[in-house]
PDB file of N, CA and C in Angstrom:
ATOM      1  N   UNK A   1      16.010 -31.893 -17.721  1.00  0.00           N
ATOM      2  CA  UNK A   1      15.442 -30.887 -18.581  1.00  0.00           C
ATOM      3  C   UNK A   1      16.053 -29.538 -18.275  1.00  0.00           C
ATOM      4  N   UNK A   2      16.054 -28.682 -19.264  1.00  0.00           N
ATOM      5  CA  UNK A   2      16.570 -27.342 -19.096  1.00  0.00           C
ATOM      6  C   UNK A   2      15.697 -26.331 -19.805  1.00  0.00           C
ATOM      7  N   UNK A   3      16.056 -25.093 -19.621  1.00  0.00           N
ATOM      8  CA  UNK A   3      15.287 -24.016 -20.227  1.00  0.00           C
ATOM      9  C   UNK A   3      16.250 -22.905 -20.575  1.00  0.00           C
ATOM     10  N   UNK A   4      16.187 -22.404 -21.798  1.00  0.00           N
ATOM     11  CA  UNK A   4      17.049 -21.312 -22.233  1.00  0.00           C
ATOM     12  C   UNK A   4      16.177 -20.132 -22.585  1.00  0.00           C
ATOM     13  N   UNK A   5      16.496 -18.973 -22.007  1.00  0.00           N
ATOM     14  CA  UNK A   5      15.771 -17.756 -22.316  1.00  0.00           C
ATOM     15  C   UNK A   5      16.771 -16.765 -22.885  1.00  0.00           C
ATOM     16  N   UNK A   6      16.561 -16.299 -24.102  1.00  0.00           N
ATOM     17  CA  UNK A   6      17.538 -15.449 -24.764  1.00  0.00           C
ATOM     18  C   UNK A   6      17.020 -14.077 -25.153  1.00  0.00           C
ATOM     19  N   UNK A   7      16.071 -13.529 -24.392  1.00  0.00           N
ATOM     20  CA  UNK A   7      15.553 -12.189 -24.690  1.00  0.00           C
ATOM     21  C   UNK A   7      16.631 -11.139 -24.470  1.00  0.00           C
ATOM     22  N   UNK A   8      16.391  -9.941 -24.999  1.00  0.00           N
ATOM     23  CA  UNK A   8      17.329  -8.834 -24.850  1.00  0.00           C
ATOM     24  C   UNK A   8      17.322  -8.258 -23.446  1.00  0.00           C
ATOM     25  N   UNK A   9      18.179  -7.255 -23.194  1.00  0.00           N
ATOM     26  CA  UNK A   9      18.276  -6.663 -21.859  1.00  0.00           C
ATOM     27  C   UNK A   9      16.999  -5.914 -21.475  1.00  0.00           C
ATOM     28  N   UNK A  10      16.639  -6.005 -20.198  1.00  0.00           N
ATOM     29  CA  UNK A  10      15.514  -5.254 -19.666  1.00  0.00           C
ATOM     30  C   UNK A  10      14.142  -5.849 -19.930  1.00  0.00           C
ATOM     31  N   UNK A  11      14.081  -7.064 -20.432  1.00  0.00           N
ATOM     32  CA  UNK A  11      12.801  -7.680 -20.763  1.00  0.00           C
ATOM     33  C   UNK A  11      12.161  -8.340 -19.542  1.00  0.00           C
ATOM     34  N   UNK A  12      12.947  -8.667 -18.546  1.00  0.00           N
ATOM     35  CA  UNK A  12      12.422  -9.336 -17.358  1.00  0.00           C
ATOM     36  C   UNK A  12      12.751 -10.815 -17.306  1.00  0.00           C
ATOM     37  N   UNK A  13      13.896 -11.182 -17.888  1.00  0.00           N
ATOM     38  CA  UNK A  13      14.293 -12.595 -17.897  1.00  0.00           C
ATOM     39  C   UNK A  13      14.433 -13.145 -16.491  1.00  0.00           C
ATOM     40  N   UNK A  14      14.994 -12.343 -15.590  1.00  0.00           N
ATOM     41  CA  UNK A  14      15.185 -12.804 -14.219  1.00  0.00           C
ATOM     42  C   UNK A  14      13.878 -13.152 -13.550  1.00  0.00           C
ATOM     43  N   UNK A  15      12.862 -12.303 -13.718  1.00  0.00           N
ATOM     44  CA  UNK A  15      11.543 -12.577 -13.134  1.00  0.00           C
ATOM     45  C   UNK A  15      10.929 -13.819 -13.753  1.00  0.00           C
ATOM     46  N   UNK A  16      11.083 -13.984 -15.058  1.00  0.00           N
ATOM     47  CA  UNK A  16      10.528 -15.161 -15.728  1.00  0.00           C
ATOM     48  C   UNK A  16      11.198 -16.432 -15.217  1.00  0.00           C
ATOM     49  N   UNK A  17      12.518 -16.393 -15.112  1.00  0.00           N
ATOM     50  CA  UNK A  17      13.248 -17.560 -14.614  1.00  0.00           C
ATOM     51  C   UNK A  17      12.848 -17.846 -13.164  1.00  0.00           C
ATOM     52  N   UNK A  18      12.751 -16.800 -12.358  1.00  0.00           N
ATOM     53  CA  UNK A  18      12.348 -16.971 -10.954  1.00  0.00           C
ATOM     54  C   UNK A  18      10.963 -17.613 -10.872  1.00  0.00           C
ATOM     55  N   UNK A  19      10.061 -17.190 -11.732  1.00  0.00           N
ATOM     56  CA  UNK A  19       8.722 -17.773 -11.740  1.00  0.00           C
ATOM     57  C   UNK A  19       8.729 -19.246 -12.112  1.00  0.00           C
ATOM     58  N   UNK A  20       9.545 -19.611 -13.084  1.00  0.00           N
ATOM     59  CA  UNK A  20       9.661 -21.019 -13.486  1.00  0.00           C
ATOM     60  C   UNK A  20      10.234 -21.846 -12.338  1.00  0.00           C
ATOM     61  N   UNK A  21      11.271 -21.325 -11.696  1.00  0.00           N
ATOM     62  CA  UNK A  21      11.886 -22.049 -10.566  1.00  0.00           C
ATOM     63  C   UNK A  21      10.886 -22.177  -9.421  1.00  0.00           C
ATOM     64  N   UNK A  22      10.149 -21.099  -9.122  1.00  0.00           N
ATOM     65  CA  UNK A  22       9.162 -21.143  -8.037  1.00  0.00           C
ATOM     66  C   UNK A  22       8.061 -22.150  -8.336  1.00  0.00           C
ATOM     67  N   UNK A  23       7.559 -22.158  -9.564  1.00  0.00           N
ATOM     68  CA  UNK A  23       6.519 -23.128  -9.909  1.00  0.00           C
ATOM     69  C   UNK A  23       7.023 -24.557  -9.732  1.00  0.00           C
ATOM     70  N   UNK A  24       8.254 -24.806 -10.160  1.00  0.00           N
ATOM     71  CA  UNK A  24       8.825 -26.138  -9.982  1.00  0.00           C
ATOM     72  C   UNK A  24       8.983 -26.483  -8.508  1.00  0.00           C
ATOM     73  N   UNK A  25       9.381 -25.508  -7.684  1.00  0.00           N
ATOM     74  CA  UNK A  25       9.514 -25.741  -6.238  1.00  0.00           C
ATOM     75  C   UNK A  25       8.151 -26.087  -5.631  1.00  0.00           C
ATOM     76  N   UNK A  26       7.108 -25.408  -6.092  1.00  0.00           N
ATOM     77  CA  UNK A  26       5.762 -25.672  -5.573  1.00  0.00           C
ATOM     78  C   UNK A  26       5.270 -27.061  -5.987  1.00  0.00           C
ATOM     79  N   UNK A  27       5.853 -27.612  -7.035  1.00  0.00           N
ATOM     80  CA  UNK A  27       5.505 -28.967  -7.489  1.00  0.00           C
ATOM     81  C   UNK A  27       6.407 -30.024  -6.860  1.00  0.00           C
ATOM     82  N   UNK A  28       7.245 -29.603  -5.903  1.00  0.00           N
ATOM     83  CA  UNK A  28       8.082 -30.549  -5.183  1.00  0.00           C
ATOM     84  C   UNK A  28       9.486 -30.711  -5.712  1.00  0.00           C
ATOM     85  N   UNK A  29       9.831 -29.988  -6.764  1.00  0.00           N
ATOM     86  CA  UNK A  29      11.187 -30.062  -7.308  1.00  0.00           C
ATOM     87  C   UNK A  29      12.040 -29.062  -6.539  1.00  0.00           C
ATOM     88  N   UNK A  30      12.901 -29.562  -5.670  1.00  0.00           N
ATOM     89  CA  UNK A  30      13.592 -28.720  -4.701  1.00  0.00           C
ATOM     90  C   UNK A  30      14.939 -28.191  -5.170  1.00  0.00           C
ATOM     91  N   UNK A  31      15.372 -28.538  -6.365  1.00  0.00           N
ATOM     92  CA  UNK A  31      16.695 -28.123  -6.845  1.00  0.00           C
ATOM     93  C   UNK A  31      16.590 -27.414  -8.186  1.00  0.00           C
ATOM     94  N   UNK A  32      17.440 -26.389  -8.352  1.00  0.00           N
ATOM     95  CA  UNK A  32      17.492 -25.687  -9.642  1.00  0.00           C
ATOM     96  C   UNK A  32      18.905 -25.151  -9.836  1.00  0.00           C
ATOM     97  N   UNK A  33      19.300 -25.012 -11.083  1.00  0.00           N
ATOM     98  CA  UNK A  33      20.573 -24.386 -11.431  1.00  0.00           C
ATOM     99  C   UNK A  33      20.251 -23.176 -12.300  1.00  0.00           C
ATOM    100  N   UNK A  34      20.771 -22.018 -11.901  1.00  0.00           N
ATOM    101  CA  UNK A  34      20.555 -20.764 -12.637  1.00  0.00           C
ATOM    102  C   UNK A  34      21.903 -20.375 -13.219  1.00  0.00           C
ATOM    103  N   UNK A  35      22.031 -20.434 -14.552  1.00  0.00           N
ATOM    104  CA  UNK A  35      23.266 -20.068 -15.244  1.00  0.00           C
ATOM    105  C   UNK A  35      23.055 -18.695 -15.869  1.00  0.00           C
ATOM    106  N   UNK A  36      23.995 -17.778 -15.613  1.00  0.00           N
ATOM    107  CA  UNK A  36      23.855 -16.403 -16.071  1.00  0.00           C
ATOM    108  C   UNK A  36      25.130 -15.930 -16.772  1.00  0.00           C
ATOM    109  N   UNK A  37      24.997 -14.859 -17.527  1.00  0.00           N
ATOM    110  CA  UNK A  37      26.166 -14.294 -18.190  1.00  0.00           C
ATOM    111  C   UNK A  37      27.074 -13.571 -17.218  1.00  0.00           C
ATOM    112  N   UNK A  38      26.542 -13.103 -16.102  1.00  0.00           N
ATOM    113  CA  UNK A  38      27.327 -12.295 -15.165  1.00  0.00           C
ATOM    114  C   UNK A  38      27.156 -12.790 -13.739  1.00  0.00           C
ATOM    115  N   UNK A  39      28.269 -12.962 -13.054  1.00  0.00           N
ATOM    116  CA  UNK A  39      28.221 -13.356 -11.642  1.00  0.00           C
ATOM    117  C   UNK A  39      27.585 -12.269 -10.784  1.00  0.00           C
ATOM    118  N   UNK A  40      27.639 -11.017 -11.254  1.00  0.00           N
ATOM    119  CA  UNK A  40      27.046  -9.906 -10.499  1.00  0.00           C
ATOM    120  C   UNK A  40      25.525  -9.999 -10.428  1.00  0.00           C
ATOM    121  N   UNK A  41      24.917 -10.778 -11.284  1.00  0.00           N
ATOM    122  CA  UNK A  41      23.462 -10.899 -11.288  1.00  0.00           C
ATOM    123  C   UNK A  41      22.937 -11.819 -10.196  1.00  0.00           C
ATOM    124  N   UNK A  42      23.829 -12.364  -9.379  1.00  0.00           N
ATOM    125  CA  UNK A  42      23.417 -13.219  -8.257  1.00  0.00           C
ATOM    126  C   UNK A  42      22.480 -12.465  -7.327  1.00  0.00           C
ATOM    127  N   UNK A  43      22.790 -11.224  -7.028  1.00  0.00           N
ATOM    128  CA  UNK A  43      21.941 -10.408  -6.148  1.00  0.00           C
ATOM    129  C   UNK A  43      20.571 -10.209  -6.795  1.00  0.00           C
ATOM    130  N   UNK A  44      20.551  -9.974  -8.099  1.00  0.00           N
ATOM    131  CA  UNK A  44      19.281  -9.811  -8.809  1.00  0.00           C
ATOM    132  C   UNK A  44      18.469 -11.103  -8.790  1.00  0.00           C
ATOM    133  N   UNK A  45      19.138 -12.240  -8.896  1.00  0.00           N
ATOM    134  CA  UNK A  45      18.447 -13.529  -8.842  1.00  0.00           C
ATOM    135  C   UNK A  45      17.773 -13.706  -7.481  1.00  0.00           C
ATOM    136  N   UNK A  46      18.485 -13.372  -6.412  1.00  0.00           N
ATOM    137  CA  UNK A  46      17.893 -13.454  -5.077  1.00  0.00           C
ATOM    138  C   UNK A  46      16.670 -12.547  -4.980  1.00  0.00           C
ATOM    139  N   UNK A  47      16.810 -11.313  -5.472  1.00  0.00           N
ATOM    140  CA  UNK A  47      15.706 -10.351  -5.417  1.00  0.00           C
ATOM    141  C   UNK A  47      14.501 -10.865  -6.195  1.00  0.00           C
ATOM    142  N   UNK A  48      14.737 -11.371  -7.400  1.00  0.00           N
ATOM    143  CA  UNK A  48      13.629 -11.846  -8.223  1.00  0.00           C
ATOM    144  C   UNK A  48      12.918 -13.034  -7.581  1.00  0.00           C
ATOM    145  N   UNK A  49      13.674 -13.958  -7.014  1.00  0.00           N
ATOM    146  CA  UNK A  49      13.049 -15.111  -6.353  1.00  0.00           C
ATOM    147  C   UNK A  49      12.235 -14.670  -5.138  1.00  0.00           C
ATOM    148  N   UNK A  50      12.723 -13.687  -4.400  1.00  0.00           N
ATOM    149  CA  UNK A  50      11.982 -13.164  -3.251  1.00  0.00           C
ATOM    150  C   UNK A  50      10.716 -12.454  -3.718  1.00  0.00           C
ATOM    151  N   UNK A  51      10.825 -11.670  -4.774  1.00  0.00           N
ATOM    152  CA  UNK A  51       9.689 -10.886  -5.251  1.00  0.00           C
ATOM    153  C   UNK A  51       8.557 -11.737  -5.827  1.00  0.00           C
ATOM    154  N   UNK A  52       8.866 -12.864  -6.436  1.00  0.00           N
ATOM    155  CA  UNK A  52       7.808 -13.685  -7.028  1.00  0.00           C
ATOM    156  C   UNK A  52       7.230 -14.698  -6.037  1.00  0.00           C
ATOM    157  N   UNK A  53       7.855 -14.859  -4.879  1.00  0.00           N
ATOM    158  CA  UNK A  53       7.369 -15.801  -3.877  1.00  0.00           C
ATOM    159  C   UNK A  53       6.046 -15.305  -3.294  1.00  0.00           C
ATOM    160  N   UNK A  54       5.134 -16.208  -2.991  1.00  0.00           N
ATOM    161  CA  UNK A  54       3.870 -15.793  -2.376  1.00  0.00           C
ATOM    162  C   UNK A  54       4.112 -15.069  -1.051  1.00  0.00           C
ATOM    163  N   UNK A  55       3.247 -14.118  -0.729  1.00  0.00           N
ATOM    164  CA  UNK A  55       3.359 -13.353   0.512  1.00  0.00           C
ATOM    165  C   UNK A  55       3.376 -14.298   1.712  1.00  0.00           C
ATOM    166  N   UNK A  56       4.337 -14.083   2.589  1.00  0.00           N
ATOM    167  CA  UNK A  56       4.445 -14.884   3.804  1.00  0.00           C
ATOM    168  C   UNK A  56       5.239 -16.169   3.663  1.00  0.00           C
ATOM    169  N   UNK A  57       5.608 -16.524   2.443  1.00  0.00           N
ATOM    170  CA  UNK A  57       6.386 -17.756   2.267  1.00  0.00           C
ATOM    171  C   UNK A  57       7.876 -17.436   2.333  1.00  0.00           C
ATOM    172  N   UNK A  58       8.634 -18.438   2.712  1.00  0.00           N
ATOM    173  CA  UNK A  58      10.090 -18.269   2.762  1.00  0.00           C
ATOM    174  C   UNK A  58      10.643 -18.326   1.344  1.00  0.00           C
ATOM    175  N   UNK A  59      11.493 -17.359   0.971  1.00  0.00           N
ATOM    176  CA  UNK A  59      12.075 -17.398  -0.376  1.00  0.00           C
ATOM    177  C   UNK A  59      13.042 -18.574  -0.516  1.00  0.00           C
ATOM    178  N   UNK A  60      13.233 -19.005  -1.738  1.00  0.00           N
ATOM    179  CA  UNK A  60      14.186 -20.075  -1.995  1.00  0.00           C
ATOM    180  C   UNK A  60      15.601 -19.569  -1.726  1.00  0.00           C
ATOM    181  N   UNK A  61      16.442 -20.431  -1.227  1.00  0.00           N
ATOM    182  CA  UNK A  61      17.827 -20.077  -0.962  1.00  0.00           C
ATOM    183  C   UNK A  61      18.619 -20.140  -2.258  1.00  0.00           C
ATOM    184  N   UNK A  62      19.418 -19.094  -2.501  1.00  0.00           N
ATOM    185  CA  UNK A  62      20.270 -19.049  -3.690  1.00  0.00           C
ATOM    186  C   UNK A  62      21.717 -19.199  -3.237  1.00  0.00           C
ATOM    187  N   UNK A  63      22.399 -20.198  -3.757  1.00  0.00           N
ATOM    188  CA  UNK A  63      23.794 -20.452  -3.433  1.00  0.00           C
ATOM    189  C   UNK A  63      24.662 -19.990  -4.592  1.00  0.00           C
ATOM    190  N   UNK A  64      25.649 -19.166  -4.295  1.00  0.00           N
ATOM    191  CA  UNK A  64      26.570 -18.665  -5.317  1.00  0.00           C
ATOM    192  C   UNK A  64      27.750 -19.618  -5.395  1.00  0.00           C
ATOM    193  N   UNK A  65      27.946 -20.243  -6.531  1.00  0.00           N
ATOM    194  CA  UNK A  65      29.017 -21.234  -6.682  1.00  0.00           C
ATOM    195  C   UNK A  65      30.397 -20.633  -6.426  1.00  0.00           C
ATOM    196  N   UNK A  66      30.543 -19.312  -6.613  1.00  0.00           N
ATOM    197  CA  UNK A  66      31.847 -18.665  -6.368  1.00  0.00           C
ATOM    198  C   UNK A  66      32.272 -18.766  -4.908  1.00  0.00           C
ATOM    199  N   UNK A  67      31.319 -18.948  -4.001  1.00  0.00           N
ATOM    200  CA  UNK A  67      31.663 -18.958  -2.574  1.00  0.00           C
ATOM    201  C   UNK A  67      32.111 -20.334  -2.084  1.00  0.00           C
ATOM    202  N   UNK A  68      32.223 -21.293  -2.975  1.00  0.00           N
ATOM    203  CA  UNK A  68      32.649 -22.642  -2.600  1.00  0.00           C
ATOM    204  C   UNK A  68      34.018 -22.957  -3.186  1.00  0.00           C
ATOM    205  N   UNK A  69      34.692 -23.878  -2.585  1.00  0.00           N
ATOM    206  CA  UNK A  69      35.995 -24.335  -3.049  1.00  0.00           C
ATOM    207  C   UNK A  69      35.858 -24.846  -4.485  1.00  0.00           C
ATOM    208  N   UNK A  70      36.625 -24.298  -5.410  1.00  0.00           N
ATOM    209  CA  UNK A  70      36.480 -24.728  -6.806  1.00  0.00           C
ATOM    210  C   UNK A  70      36.881 -26.177  -7.042  1.00  0.00           C
ATOM    211  N   UNK A  71      37.567 -26.777  -6.083  1.00  0.00           N
ATOM    212  CA  UNK A  71      37.994 -28.163  -6.241  1.00  0.00           C
ATOM    213  C   UNK A  71      37.060 -29.140  -5.531  1.00  0.00           C
ATOM    214  N   UNK A  72      36.012 -28.602  -4.880  1.00  0.00           N
ATOM    215  CA  UNK A  72      35.064 -29.471  -4.181  1.00  0.00           C
ATOM    216  C   UNK A  72      34.152 -30.163  -5.191  1.00  0.00           C
ATOM    217  N   UNK A  73      33.730 -31.339  -4.837  1.00  0.00           N
ATOM    218  CA  UNK A  73      32.776 -32.050  -5.691  1.00  0.00           C
ATOM    219  C   UNK A  73      31.413 -31.383  -5.573  1.00  0.00           C
ATOM    220  N   UNK A  74      30.732 -31.213  -6.672  1.00  0.00           N
ATOM    221  CA  UNK A  74      29.415 -30.573  -6.640  1.00  0.00           C
ATOM    222  C   UNK A  74      28.437 -31.320  -5.743  1.00  0.00           C
ATOM    223  N   UNK A  75      28.593 -32.621  -5.623  1.00  0.00           N
ATOM    224  CA  UNK A  75      27.673 -33.403  -4.798  1.00  0.00           C
ATOM    225  C   UNK A  75      27.775 -33.066  -3.323  1.00  0.00           C
ATOM    226  N   UNK A  76      28.827 -32.343  -2.915  1.00  0.00           N
ATOM    227  CA  UNK A  76      28.967 -31.987  -1.498  1.00  0.00           C
ATOM    228  C   UNK A  76      28.386 -30.611  -1.180  1.00  0.00           C
ATOM    229  N   UNK A  77      27.914 -29.889  -2.178  1.00  0.00           N
ATOM    230  CA  UNK A  77      27.387 -28.547  -1.945  1.00  0.00           C
ATOM    231  C   UNK A  77      25.981 -28.608  -1.360  1.00  0.00           C
ATOM    232  N   UNK A  78      25.681 -27.735  -0.397  1.00  0.00           N
ATOM    233  CA  UNK A  78      24.345 -27.751   0.204  1.00  0.00           C
ATOM    234  C   UNK A  78      23.242 -27.403  -0.784  1.00  0.00           C
ATOM    235  N   UNK A  79      23.551 -26.667  -1.835  1.00  0.00           N
ATOM    236  CA  UNK A  79      22.532 -26.301  -2.820  1.00  0.00           C
ATOM    237  C   UNK A  79      21.965 -27.526  -3.521  1.00  0.00           C
ATOM    238  N   UNK A  80      22.717 -28.624  -3.506  1.00  0.00           N
ATOM    239  CA  UNK A  80      22.219 -29.810  -4.169  1.00  0.00           C
ATOM    240  C   UNK A  80      21.218 -30.574  -3.321  1.00  0.00           C
ATOM    241  N   UNK A  81      21.033 -30.152  -2.075  1.00  0.00           N
ATOM    242  CA  UNK A  81      19.979 -30.726  -1.236  1.00  0.00           C
ATOM    243  C   UNK A  81      18.654 -30.041  -1.529  1.00  0.00           C
ATOM    244  N   UNK A  82      18.666 -28.717  -1.549  1.00  0.00           N
ATOM    245  CA  UNK A  82      17.472 -27.919  -1.858  1.00  0.00           C
ATOM    246  C   UNK A  82      17.916 -26.486  -2.084  1.00  0.00           C
ATOM    247  N   UNK A  83      17.366 -25.850  -3.081  1.00  0.00           N
ATOM    248  CA  UNK A  83      17.696 -24.457  -3.351  1.00  0.00           C
ATOM    249  C   UNK A  83      18.114 -24.252  -4.786  1.00  0.00           C
ATOM    250  N   UNK A  84      18.664 -23.073  -5.022  1.00  0.00           N
ATOM    251  CA  UNK A  84      19.060 -22.676  -6.369  1.00  0.00           C
ATOM    252  C   UNK A  84      20.570 -22.476  -6.395  1.00  0.00           C
ATOM    253  N   UNK A  85      21.248 -23.182  -7.267  1.00  0.00           N
ATOM    254  CA  UNK A  85      22.680 -23.026  -7.443  1.00  0.00           C
ATOM    255  C   UNK A  85      22.902 -22.020  -8.560  1.00  0.00           C
ATOM    256  N   UNK A  86      23.493 -20.871  -8.241  1.00  0.00           N
ATOM    257  CA  UNK A  86      23.725 -19.804  -9.207  1.00  0.00           C
ATOM    258  C   UNK A  86      25.164 -19.881  -9.692  1.00  0.00           C
ATOM    259  N   UNK A  87      25.349 -19.860 -11.010  1.00  0.00           N
ATOM    260  CA  UNK A  87      26.687 -19.955 -11.593  1.00  0.00           C
ATOM    261  C   UNK A  87      26.728 -19.125 -12.866  1.00  0.00           C
ATOM    262  N   UNK A  88      27.870 -18.510 -13.123  1.00  0.00           N
ATOM    263  CA  UNK A  88      28.033 -17.729 -14.352  1.00  0.00           C
ATOM    264  C   UNK A  88      28.725 -18.577 -15.412  1.00  0.00           C
ATOM    265  N   UNK A  89      28.542 -18.189 -16.674  1.00  0.00           N
ATOM    266  CA  UNK A  89      29.239 -18.869 -17.762  1.00  0.00           C
ATOM    267  C   UNK A  89      30.751 -18.805 -17.559  1.00  0.00           C
ATOM    268  N   UNK A  90      31.227 -17.641 -17.133  1.00  0.00           N
ATOM    269  CA  UNK A  90      32.672 -17.456 -16.960  1.00  0.00           C
ATOM    270  C   UNK A  90      33.231 -18.447 -15.943  1.00  0.00           C
ATOM    271  N   UNK A  91      32.505 -18.679 -14.879  1.00  0.00           N
ATOM    272  CA  UNK A  91      32.974 -19.631 -13.865  1.00  0.00           C
ATOM    273  C   UNK A  91      32.989 -21.051 -14.430  1.00  0.00           C
ATOM    274  N   UNK A  92      31.995 -21.399 -15.201  1.00  0.00           N
ATOM    275  CA  UNK A  92      31.975 -22.733 -15.801  1.00  0.00           C
ATOM    276  C   UNK A  92      33.147 -22.925 -16.758  1.00  0.00           C
ATOM    277  N   UNK A  93      33.435 -21.908 -17.553  1.00  0.00           N
ATOM    278  CA  UNK A  93      34.550 -21.986 -18.504  1.00  0.00           C
ATOM    279  C   UNK A  93      35.872 -22.077 -17.757  1.00  0.00           C
ATOM    280  N   UNK A  94      36.049 -21.260 -16.718  1.00  0.00           N
ATOM    281  CA  UNK A  94      37.285 -21.279 -15.942  1.00  0.00           C
ATOM    282  C   UNK A  94      37.498 -22.640 -15.301  1.00  0.00           C
ATOM    283  N   UNK A  95      36.440 -23.193 -14.723  1.00  0.00           N
ATOM    284  CA  UNK A  95      36.548 -24.494 -14.061  1.00  0.00           C
ATOM    285  C   UNK A  95      36.907 -25.574 -15.074  1.00  0.00           C
ATOM    286  N   UNK A  96      36.307 -25.505 -16.251  1.00  0.00           N
ATOM    287  CA  UNK A  96      36.595 -26.493 -17.278  1.00  0.00           C
ATOM    288  C   UNK A  96      38.044 -26.376 -17.748  1.00  0.00           C
ATOM    289  N   UNK A  97      38.529 -25.161 -17.882  1.00  0.00           N
ATOM    290  CA  UNK A  97      39.914 -24.932 -18.331  1.00  0.00           C
ATOM    291  C   UNK A  97      40.921 -25.431 -17.292  1.00  0.00           C
ATOM    292  N   UNK A  98      40.538 -25.310 -16.020  1.00  0.00           N
ATOM    293  CA  UNK A  98      41.422 -25.770 -14.943  1.00  0.00           C
ATOM    294  C   UNK A  98      41.277 -27.270 -14.710  1.00  0.00           C
ATOM    295  N   UNK A  99      40.273 -27.885 -15.327  1.00  0.00           N
ATOM    296  CA  UNK A  99      40.065 -29.313 -15.151  1.00  0.00           C
ATOM    297  C   UNK A  99      39.470 -29.655 -13.803  1.00  0.00           C
ATOM    298  N   UNK A 100      38.648 -28.742 -13.229  1.00  0.00           N
ATOM    299  CA  UNK A 100      38.085 -28.984 -11.909  1.00  0.00           C
ATOM    300  C   UNK A 100      36.617 -29.342 -11.956  1.00  0.00           C
ATOM    301  N   UNK A 101      36.055 -29.562 -13.135  1.00  0.00           N
ATOM    302  CA  UNK A 101      34.636 -29.895 -13.195  1.00  0.00           C
ATOM    303  C   UNK A 101      34.425 -31.391 -13.231  1.00  0.00           C
TER     304      UNK A 101
END
């Protein structure tokens, strides 16, 4: 299953997405993929996940796909064990064009 949120800028999409991911984590779903228009929003994703987490709980780990070998198999990434895999559209397009997906 997936979820697409297409609101305009400044509406709070990051907080909404973080809340959905947190609720799923609380239900035992330990993996999530966050696809964004900008790779620079990775820091904002981390902030939003930390801000919506209950007081005293450990925030979910966010893994930036840019920090991994583009030729590595996704199944070898630690984010696929537990956490949030953050990826931008541009990275997905580049990987597809290079034939590395």
